Each structure stands twice: as C-alpha cells, then as structure tokens.
C-alpha cells in the first residue's frame, strides 16, 4: 500500500475508500494517516480496529514507509492515539507482531505495552501479543 500512497491527496482517497467500506466504525475504531509536520509528506498510517476472527479485541497498529523508520513517528503517533482511545470508553488495546519483527516489538515496549504471550488466534499467524490498559500509561516512557 505504501507504494500507492505517496501524498496527502492519495491518502485521503484511501481513507475515503476505507470509510465507505466501513461507514459505521464507532470511536475509537478508525484509521489515520501520518505525515511529516515540516512538509506534509505522508509517511504511514495508524489504525484501531477489531482483531479477527472474533472481533472482540481492539488492535492498535502502525505502518510506516521504510524511509520513515527510526525517527519515533510510530511511537509519537501511537501515544497520542492511545491516550485518545482511553477517553472513548476503551479498557485495553492490543498490538500484535510476528516474532521476528523486532521494530514493531520494540515500539510496543516503548509505548508501555506489556507482553501477553504468543498466539495463533489472530490472522492465522504465530504472533507476539502486547497489551496496554489506562493504568499502564503512568509507567510508559515519554507519557
């Protein structure tokens, strides 16, 4: 997807398509574009969505163009989204990552998320599961 979403106009088109596909996503569910403040370049996105297949748990996810890796964008955007989600009657958020996705796991830990374990429950993949609850924000670095 990142190859097709190179600027704000393209990201707006993607967001509009997502909205049309799921028009009734109640807060805190949704998808957001991330862009650089200095030039408006779209660098990725954030989402809060129901984890398949049971759609009981809320997943916080982030995707960045590789050129944007290592600058703290995923952490900064996710921190803001987590704080907002917890004002929307959300009790917990999860993040899942493949065991070899060192960057995603490091981001989850920087966010103050706690390791829950490993599962094949979501996406039919073996995934590491991290969770954050409102009380964890007090212990999270940078909050």
N, C-alpha and C. Protein backbone atom coordinates (compact mmCIF):
# COMPACT_ATOMS: atom_id res chain seq x y z
N UNK A 1 0.82 -1.19 0.00
CA UNK A 1 0.00 0.00 0.00
C UNK A 1 0.86 1.25 0.00
N UNK A 2 1.99 1.24 0.66
CA UNK A 2 2.78 2.46 0.75
C UNK A 2 3.25 2.94 -0.62
N UNK A 3 3.42 2.05 -1.57
CA UNK A 3 3.83 2.48 -2.90
C UNK A 3 2.77 3.34 -3.57
N UNK A 4 1.51 3.10 -3.26
CA UNK A 4 0.42 3.84 -3.88
C UNK A 4 0.05 5.11 -3.12
N UNK A 5 0.46 5.21 -1.88
CA UNK A 5 0.06 6.34 -1.05
C UNK A 5 1.28 7.22 -0.81
N UNK A 6 1.50 8.15 -1.72
CA UNK A 6 2.70 8.97 -1.66
C UNK A 6 2.48 10.39 -1.21
N UNK A 7 1.22 10.81 -1.10
CA UNK A 7 0.96 12.19 -0.68
C UNK A 7 -0.38 12.26 0.03
N UNK A 8 -0.70 13.43 0.54
CA UNK A 8 -1.92 13.61 1.33
C UNK A 8 -3.16 13.33 0.50
N UNK A 9 -3.20 13.78 -0.75
CA UNK A 9 -4.37 13.56 -1.59
C UNK A 9 -4.63 12.06 -1.80
N UNK A 10 -3.57 11.30 -2.05
CA UNK A 10 -3.72 9.86 -2.23
C UNK A 10 -4.19 9.19 -0.94
N UNK A 11 -3.65 9.64 0.20
CA UNK A 11 -4.06 9.06 1.47
C UNK A 11 -5.52 9.39 1.76
N UNK A 12 -5.94 10.61 1.43
CA UNK A 12 -7.36 10.96 1.62
C UNK A 12 -8.26 10.04 0.80
N UNK A 13 -7.84 9.71 -0.41
CA UNK A 13 -8.62 8.80 -1.25
C UNK A 13 -8.71 7.42 -0.61
N UNK A 14 -7.59 6.94 -0.05
CA UNK A 14 -7.60 5.65 0.62
C UNK A 14 -8.51 5.70 1.85
N UNK A 15 -8.39 6.76 2.64
CA UNK A 15 -9.23 6.91 3.83
C UNK A 15 -10.71 6.96 3.46
N UNK A 16 -11.04 7.65 2.38
CA UNK A 16 -12.42 7.73 1.92
C UNK A 16 -12.93 6.34 1.53
N UNK A 17 -12.10 5.57 0.85
CA UNK A 17 -12.50 4.21 0.47
C UNK A 17 -12.71 3.34 1.71
N UNK A 18 -11.82 3.48 2.70
CA UNK A 18 -11.99 2.73 3.95
C UNK A 18 -13.28 3.13 4.64
N UNK A 19 -13.56 4.43 4.66
CA UNK A 19 -14.78 4.91 5.31
C UNK A 19 -16.01 4.36 4.61
N UNK A 20 -16.00 4.36 3.29
CA UNK A 20 -17.13 3.83 2.54
C UNK A 20 -17.31 2.34 2.78
N UNK A 21 -16.21 1.62 2.97
CA UNK A 21 -16.28 0.18 3.21
C UNK A 21 -16.80 -0.12 4.62
N UNK A 22 -16.49 0.75 5.59
CA UNK A 22 -16.93 0.56 6.97
C UNK A 22 -17.40 1.90 7.52
N UNK A 23 -18.58 2.37 7.11
CA UNK A 23 -19.01 3.73 7.46
C UNK A 23 -19.39 3.92 8.92
N UNK A 24 -19.66 2.85 9.64
CA UNK A 24 -20.18 2.99 10.99
C UNK A 24 -19.19 2.56 12.07
N UNK A 25 -17.92 2.82 11.85
CA UNK A 25 -16.93 2.47 12.86
C UNK A 25 -17.08 3.42 14.05
N UNK A 26 -17.53 2.91 15.19
CA UNK A 26 -17.65 3.81 16.35
C UNK A 26 -16.28 4.07 16.96
N UNK A 27 -16.09 5.26 17.54
CA UNK A 27 -14.82 5.54 18.22
C UNK A 27 -14.59 4.50 19.30
N UNK A 28 -13.38 4.06 19.50
CA UNK A 28 -12.15 4.63 18.97
C UNK A 28 -11.68 3.98 17.68
N UNK A 29 -12.50 3.13 17.08
CA UNK A 29 -12.06 2.46 15.85
C UNK A 29 -11.89 3.46 14.72
N UNK A 30 -10.86 3.24 13.92
CA UNK A 30 -10.64 4.12 12.78
C UNK A 30 -9.24 3.97 12.23
N UNK A 31 -8.97 4.75 11.20
CA UNK A 31 -7.66 4.75 10.54
C UNK A 31 -7.23 6.19 10.32
N UNK A 32 -5.94 6.45 10.51
CA UNK A 32 -5.41 7.80 10.40
C UNK A 32 -4.12 7.79 9.59
N UNK A 33 -3.96 8.81 8.78
CA UNK A 33 -2.71 8.99 8.04
C UNK A 33 -1.70 9.69 8.94
N UNK A 34 -0.43 9.38 8.76
CA UNK A 34 0.65 10.09 9.46
C UNK A 34 1.44 10.84 8.40
N UNK A 35 1.73 12.10 8.70
CA UNK A 35 2.52 12.90 7.77
C UNK A 35 3.56 13.69 8.53
N UNK A 36 4.63 14.02 7.84
CA UNK A 36 5.68 14.85 8.45
C UNK A 36 5.16 16.26 8.61
N UNK A 37 5.39 16.83 9.78
CA UNK A 37 4.94 18.19 10.05
C UNK A 37 5.59 19.20 9.12
N UNK A 38 6.87 19.03 8.87
CA UNK A 38 7.61 20.06 8.12
C UNK A 38 7.23 20.16 6.65
N UNK A 39 6.74 19.05 6.05
CA UNK A 39 6.45 19.13 4.62
C UNK A 39 5.14 18.45 4.20
N UNK A 40 4.41 17.87 5.14
CA UNK A 40 3.14 17.25 4.81
C UNK A 40 3.24 15.92 4.08
N UNK A 41 4.45 15.38 3.94
CA UNK A 41 4.62 14.10 3.25
C UNK A 41 3.99 12.97 4.05
N UNK A 42 3.16 12.17 3.40
CA UNK A 42 2.56 11.01 4.05
C UNK A 42 3.64 9.96 4.26
N UNK A 43 3.78 9.52 5.51
CA UNK A 43 4.83 8.55 5.84
C UNK A 43 4.27 7.23 6.34
N UNK A 44 2.96 7.17 6.56
CA UNK A 44 2.38 5.93 7.04
C UNK A 44 0.99 6.13 7.59
N UNK A 45 0.58 5.18 8.42
CA UNK A 45 -0.75 5.26 8.99
C UNK A 45 -0.84 4.54 10.32
N UNK A 46 -1.90 4.87 11.04
CA UNK A 46 -2.23 4.24 12.31
C UNK A 46 -3.66 3.72 12.21
N UNK A 47 -3.96 2.69 12.98
CA UNK A 47 -5.33 2.18 12.98
C UNK A 47 -5.67 1.61 14.34
N UNK A 48 -6.93 1.69 14.68
CA UNK A 48 -7.51 0.92 15.78
C UNK A 48 -8.67 0.16 15.15
N UNK A 49 -8.58 -1.16 15.22
CA UNK A 49 -9.60 -1.99 14.57
C UNK A 49 -9.81 -3.26 15.39
N UNK A 50 -10.90 -3.94 15.12
CA UNK A 50 -11.18 -5.20 15.78
C UNK A 50 -10.30 -6.29 15.20
N UNK A 51 -9.70 -7.07 16.09
CA UNK A 51 -8.85 -8.17 15.65
C UNK A 51 -9.70 -9.34 15.18
N UNK A 52 -9.40 -9.89 14.01
CA UNK A 52 -10.12 -11.07 13.56
C UNK A 52 -9.61 -12.30 14.33
N UNK A 53 -10.31 -13.37 14.39
CA UNK A 53 -11.58 -13.61 13.72
C UNK A 53 -12.78 -13.30 14.60
N UNK A 54 -12.57 -13.11 15.89
CA UNK A 54 -13.71 -12.99 16.80
C UNK A 54 -14.18 -11.55 16.98
N UNK A 55 -13.37 -10.60 16.59
CA UNK A 55 -13.70 -9.18 16.65
C UNK A 55 -14.15 -8.76 18.05
N UNK A 56 -13.37 -9.20 19.05
CA UNK A 56 -13.62 -8.81 20.44
C UNK A 56 -12.55 -7.86 20.95
N UNK A 57 -11.33 -8.02 20.48
CA UNK A 57 -10.20 -7.24 20.97
C UNK A 57 -9.86 -6.13 19.99
N UNK A 58 -9.48 -4.96 20.53
CA UNK A 58 -9.09 -3.83 19.69
C UNK A 58 -7.59 -3.83 19.47
N UNK A 59 -7.20 -3.78 18.21
CA UNK A 59 -5.79 -3.74 17.84
C UNK A 59 -5.37 -2.32 17.49
N UNK A 60 -4.26 -1.90 18.07
CA UNK A 60 -3.57 -0.69 17.65
C UNK A 60 -2.49 -1.13 16.68
N UNK A 61 -2.48 -0.53 15.49
CA UNK A 61 -1.45 -0.90 14.52
C UNK A 61 -0.86 0.35 13.90
N UNK A 62 0.35 0.21 13.41
CA UNK A 62 1.05 1.30 12.75
C UNK A 62 1.81 0.72 11.57
N UNK A 63 1.86 1.48 10.51
CA UNK A 63 2.61 1.10 9.31
C UNK A 63 3.34 2.35 8.84
N UNK A 64 4.63 2.21 8.58
CA UNK A 64 5.43 3.34 8.11
C UNK A 64 6.21 2.96 6.87
N UNK A 65 6.39 3.92 6.01
CA UNK A 65 7.29 3.74 4.88
C UNK A 65 8.69 3.53 5.44
N UNK A 66 9.49 2.62 4.88
CA UNK A 66 10.83 2.37 5.42
C UNK A 66 11.69 3.63 5.55
N UNK A 67 11.49 4.61 4.69
CA UNK A 67 12.27 5.85 4.81
C UNK A 67 11.99 6.58 6.12
N UNK A 68 10.86 6.28 6.76
CA UNK A 68 10.48 6.97 8.00
C UNK A 68 10.83 6.17 9.26
N UNK A 69 11.36 4.97 9.09
CA UNK A 69 11.71 4.14 10.24
C UNK A 69 12.80 4.80 11.07
N UNK A 70 12.75 4.57 12.37
CA UNK A 70 13.82 5.00 13.26
C UNK A 70 13.76 6.45 13.70
N UNK A 71 12.66 7.13 13.43
CA UNK A 71 12.53 8.54 13.81
C UNK A 71 11.53 8.78 14.93
N UNK A 72 10.94 7.73 15.46
CA UNK A 72 9.99 7.87 16.56
C UNK A 72 8.57 8.20 16.13
N UNK A 73 8.30 8.19 14.83
CA UNK A 73 6.96 8.55 14.36
C UNK A 73 5.89 7.57 14.84
N UNK A 74 6.17 6.27 14.78
CA UNK A 74 5.19 5.28 15.22
C UNK A 74 4.89 5.45 16.71
N UNK A 75 5.93 5.69 17.49
CA UNK A 75 5.74 5.88 18.93
C UNK A 75 4.95 7.15 19.21
N UNK A 76 5.33 8.25 18.59
CA UNK A 76 4.64 9.52 18.83
C UNK A 76 3.16 9.45 18.44
N UNK A 77 2.89 8.95 17.26
CA UNK A 77 1.51 8.85 16.81
C UNK A 77 0.69 7.89 17.65
N UNK A 78 1.29 6.76 17.99
CA UNK A 78 0.58 5.75 18.79
C UNK A 78 0.30 6.25 20.20
N UNK A 79 1.24 6.98 20.80
CA UNK A 79 1.00 7.52 22.14
C UNK A 79 -0.23 8.43 22.14
N UNK A 80 -0.32 9.30 21.15
CA UNK A 80 -1.47 10.20 21.07
C UNK A 80 -2.76 9.42 20.86
N UNK A 81 -2.71 8.42 20.00
CA UNK A 81 -3.91 7.63 19.72
C UNK A 81 -4.34 6.81 20.93
N UNK A 82 -3.38 6.26 21.66
CA UNK A 82 -3.70 5.50 22.87
C UNK A 82 -4.39 6.40 23.89
N UNK A 83 -3.80 7.57 24.13
CA UNK A 83 -4.39 8.49 25.12
C UNK A 83 -5.82 8.85 24.72
N UNK A 84 -6.03 9.13 23.43
CA UNK A 84 -7.37 9.47 22.96
C UNK A 84 -8.32 8.28 23.10
N UNK A 85 -7.87 7.08 22.71
CA UNK A 85 -8.73 5.89 22.78
C UNK A 85 -9.22 5.64 24.20
N UNK A 86 -8.37 5.93 25.18
CA UNK A 86 -8.77 5.69 26.56
C UNK A 86 -9.75 6.74 27.08
N UNK A 87 -10.03 7.77 26.30
CA UNK A 87 -11.11 8.71 26.65
C UNK A 87 -12.43 8.28 25.99
N UNK A 88 -12.39 7.20 25.22
CA UNK A 88 -13.54 6.72 24.46
C UNK A 88 -14.08 5.39 25.01
N UNK A 89 -14.05 5.22 26.31
CA UNK A 89 -14.55 4.00 26.96
C UNK A 89 -13.85 2.74 26.48
N UNK A 90 -12.56 2.83 26.26
CA UNK A 90 -11.75 1.68 25.87
C UNK A 90 -10.99 1.21 27.10
N UNK A 91 -11.06 -0.09 27.38
CA UNK A 91 -10.40 -0.65 28.56
C UNK A 91 -9.00 -1.16 28.27
N UNK A 92 -8.75 -1.56 27.02
CA UNK A 92 -7.43 -2.08 26.67
C UNK A 92 -7.27 -2.08 25.16
N UNK A 93 -6.03 -2.01 24.75
CA UNK A 93 -5.65 -2.09 23.34
C UNK A 93 -4.57 -3.15 23.21
N UNK A 94 -4.56 -3.84 22.08
CA UNK A 94 -3.56 -4.85 21.80
C UNK A 94 -2.75 -4.46 20.58
N UNK A 95 -1.52 -4.94 20.54
CA UNK A 95 -0.70 -4.86 19.33
C UNK A 95 -0.17 -6.27 19.10
N UNK A 96 -0.12 -6.67 17.85
CA UNK A 96 0.41 -7.99 17.51
C UNK A 96 1.53 -7.82 16.51
N UNK A 97 2.52 -8.72 16.62
CA UNK A 97 3.67 -8.64 15.72
C UNK A 97 4.22 -10.04 15.50
N UNK A 98 4.72 -10.26 14.31
CA UNK A 98 5.43 -11.51 14.05
C UNK A 98 6.66 -11.56 14.96
N UNK A 99 7.04 -12.74 15.42
CA UNK A 99 8.15 -12.84 16.37
C UNK A 99 9.46 -12.22 15.87
N UNK A 100 9.67 -12.19 14.57
CA UNK A 100 10.92 -11.62 14.05
C UNK A 100 10.81 -10.14 13.70
N UNK A 101 9.67 -9.51 13.98
CA UNK A 101 9.50 -8.09 13.69
C UNK A 101 10.01 -7.28 14.89
N UNK A 102 11.31 -7.17 14.96
CA UNK A 102 11.98 -6.55 16.10
C UNK A 102 11.55 -5.10 16.27
N UNK A 103 11.37 -4.37 15.19
CA UNK A 103 10.98 -2.96 15.28
C UNK A 103 9.59 -2.79 15.89
N UNK A 104 8.64 -3.60 15.45
CA UNK A 104 7.27 -3.50 15.98
C UNK A 104 7.24 -3.86 17.46
N UNK A 105 7.98 -4.89 17.84
CA UNK A 105 8.03 -5.30 19.24
C UNK A 105 8.67 -4.20 20.08
N UNK A 106 9.74 -3.60 19.59
CA UNK A 106 10.39 -2.50 20.32
C UNK A 106 9.45 -1.31 20.47
N UNK A 107 8.68 -1.02 19.44
CA UNK A 107 7.71 0.09 19.52
C UNK A 107 6.65 -0.21 20.57
N UNK A 108 6.12 -1.42 20.56
CA UNK A 108 5.11 -1.80 21.56
C UNK A 108 5.66 -1.62 22.97
N UNK A 109 6.89 -2.02 23.19
CA UNK A 109 7.50 -1.87 24.52
C UNK A 109 7.70 -0.40 24.87
N UNK A 110 8.13 0.42 23.89
CA UNK A 110 8.30 1.86 24.15
C UNK A 110 6.97 2.51 24.51
N UNK A 111 5.89 1.98 23.99
CA UNK A 111 4.56 2.51 24.29
C UNK A 111 4.08 2.13 25.69
N UNK A 112 4.83 1.27 26.35
CA UNK A 112 4.42 0.80 27.67
C UNK A 112 3.53 -0.42 27.62
N UNK A 113 3.43 -1.03 26.45
CA UNK A 113 2.60 -2.23 26.31
C UNK A 113 3.31 -3.41 26.99
N UNK A 114 2.51 -4.26 27.59
CA UNK A 114 3.02 -5.44 28.30
C UNK A 114 2.85 -6.67 27.42
N UNK A 115 3.87 -7.53 27.43
CA UNK A 115 3.81 -8.77 26.67
C UNK A 115 2.78 -9.69 27.31
N UNK A 116 1.84 -10.19 26.51
CA UNK A 116 0.79 -11.09 26.98
C UNK A 116 1.15 -12.53 26.68
N UNK A 117 1.79 -12.76 25.54
CA UNK A 117 2.15 -14.10 25.15
C UNK A 117 2.18 -14.24 23.65
N UNK A 118 2.20 -15.48 23.21
CA UNK A 118 2.23 -15.77 21.78
C UNK A 118 0.96 -16.53 21.45
N UNK A 119 0.41 -16.25 20.27
CA UNK A 119 -0.85 -16.89 19.88
C UNK A 119 -0.92 -17.07 18.37
N UNK A 120 -1.81 -17.97 17.97
CA UNK A 120 -2.18 -18.10 16.55
C UNK A 120 -3.64 -17.70 16.37
N UNK A 121 -4.22 -17.08 17.39
CA UNK A 121 -5.63 -16.69 17.38
C UNK A 121 -5.94 -15.66 16.30
N UNK A 122 -5.04 -14.74 16.06
CA UNK A 122 -5.30 -13.64 15.13
C UNK A 122 -4.60 -13.87 13.79
N UNK A 123 -5.31 -13.62 12.72
CA UNK A 123 -4.76 -13.64 11.36
C UNK A 123 -4.19 -15.00 10.96
N UNK A 124 -4.46 -16.05 11.72
CA UNK A 124 -3.91 -17.39 11.42
C UNK A 124 -2.39 -17.38 11.32
N UNK A 125 -1.75 -16.55 12.13
CA UNK A 125 -0.29 -16.44 12.16
C UNK A 125 0.20 -16.60 13.60
N UNK A 126 1.43 -17.04 13.75
CA UNK A 126 2.05 -17.06 15.08
C UNK A 126 2.50 -15.64 15.38
N UNK A 127 1.91 -15.03 16.41
CA UNK A 127 2.16 -13.62 16.71
C UNK A 127 2.46 -13.41 18.18
N UNK A 128 3.31 -12.43 18.45
CA UNK A 128 3.53 -11.93 19.79
C UNK A 128 2.42 -10.93 20.09
N UNK A 129 1.86 -10.99 21.29
CA UNK A 129 0.73 -10.13 21.67
C UNK A 129 1.16 -9.21 22.81
N UNK A 130 0.89 -7.92 22.63
CA UNK A 130 1.17 -6.90 23.65
C UNK A 130 -0.13 -6.18 23.97
N UNK A 131 -0.24 -5.72 25.23
CA UNK A 131 -1.47 -5.07 25.67
C UNK A 131 -1.13 -3.83 26.50
N UNK A 132 -1.99 -2.83 26.40
CA UNK A 132 -1.89 -1.66 27.26
C UNK A 132 -3.27 -1.33 27.81
N UNK A 133 -3.29 -0.93 29.07
CA UNK A 133 -4.52 -0.51 29.75
C UNK A 133 -4.30 0.90 30.28
N UNK A 134 -5.36 1.62 30.58
CA UNK A 134 -5.19 3.01 31.03
C UNK A 134 -4.20 3.17 32.18
N UNK A 135 -4.20 2.26 33.14
CA UNK A 135 -3.27 2.36 34.27
C UNK A 135 -1.81 2.20 33.87
N UNK A 136 -1.56 1.58 32.72
CA UNK A 136 -0.19 1.39 32.25
C UNK A 136 0.43 2.69 31.75
N UNK A 137 -0.40 3.68 31.43
CA UNK A 137 0.13 4.93 30.88
C UNK A 137 1.03 5.64 31.88
N UNK A 138 0.75 5.48 33.16
CA UNK A 138 1.58 6.12 34.18
C UNK A 138 3.01 5.61 34.16
N UNK A 139 3.18 4.35 33.73
CA UNK A 139 4.50 3.73 33.73
C UNK A 139 5.19 3.79 32.38
N UNK A 140 4.49 4.25 31.35
CA UNK A 140 5.04 4.25 29.99
C UNK A 140 6.06 5.36 29.83
N UNK A 141 7.20 5.07 29.19
CA UNK A 141 8.18 6.12 28.93
C UNK A 141 7.60 7.18 28.01
N UNK A 142 7.90 8.42 28.27
CA UNK A 142 7.51 9.51 27.38
C UNK A 142 6.06 9.94 27.50
N UNK A 143 5.33 9.44 28.51
CA UNK A 143 3.93 9.87 28.65
C UNK A 143 3.78 10.82 29.82
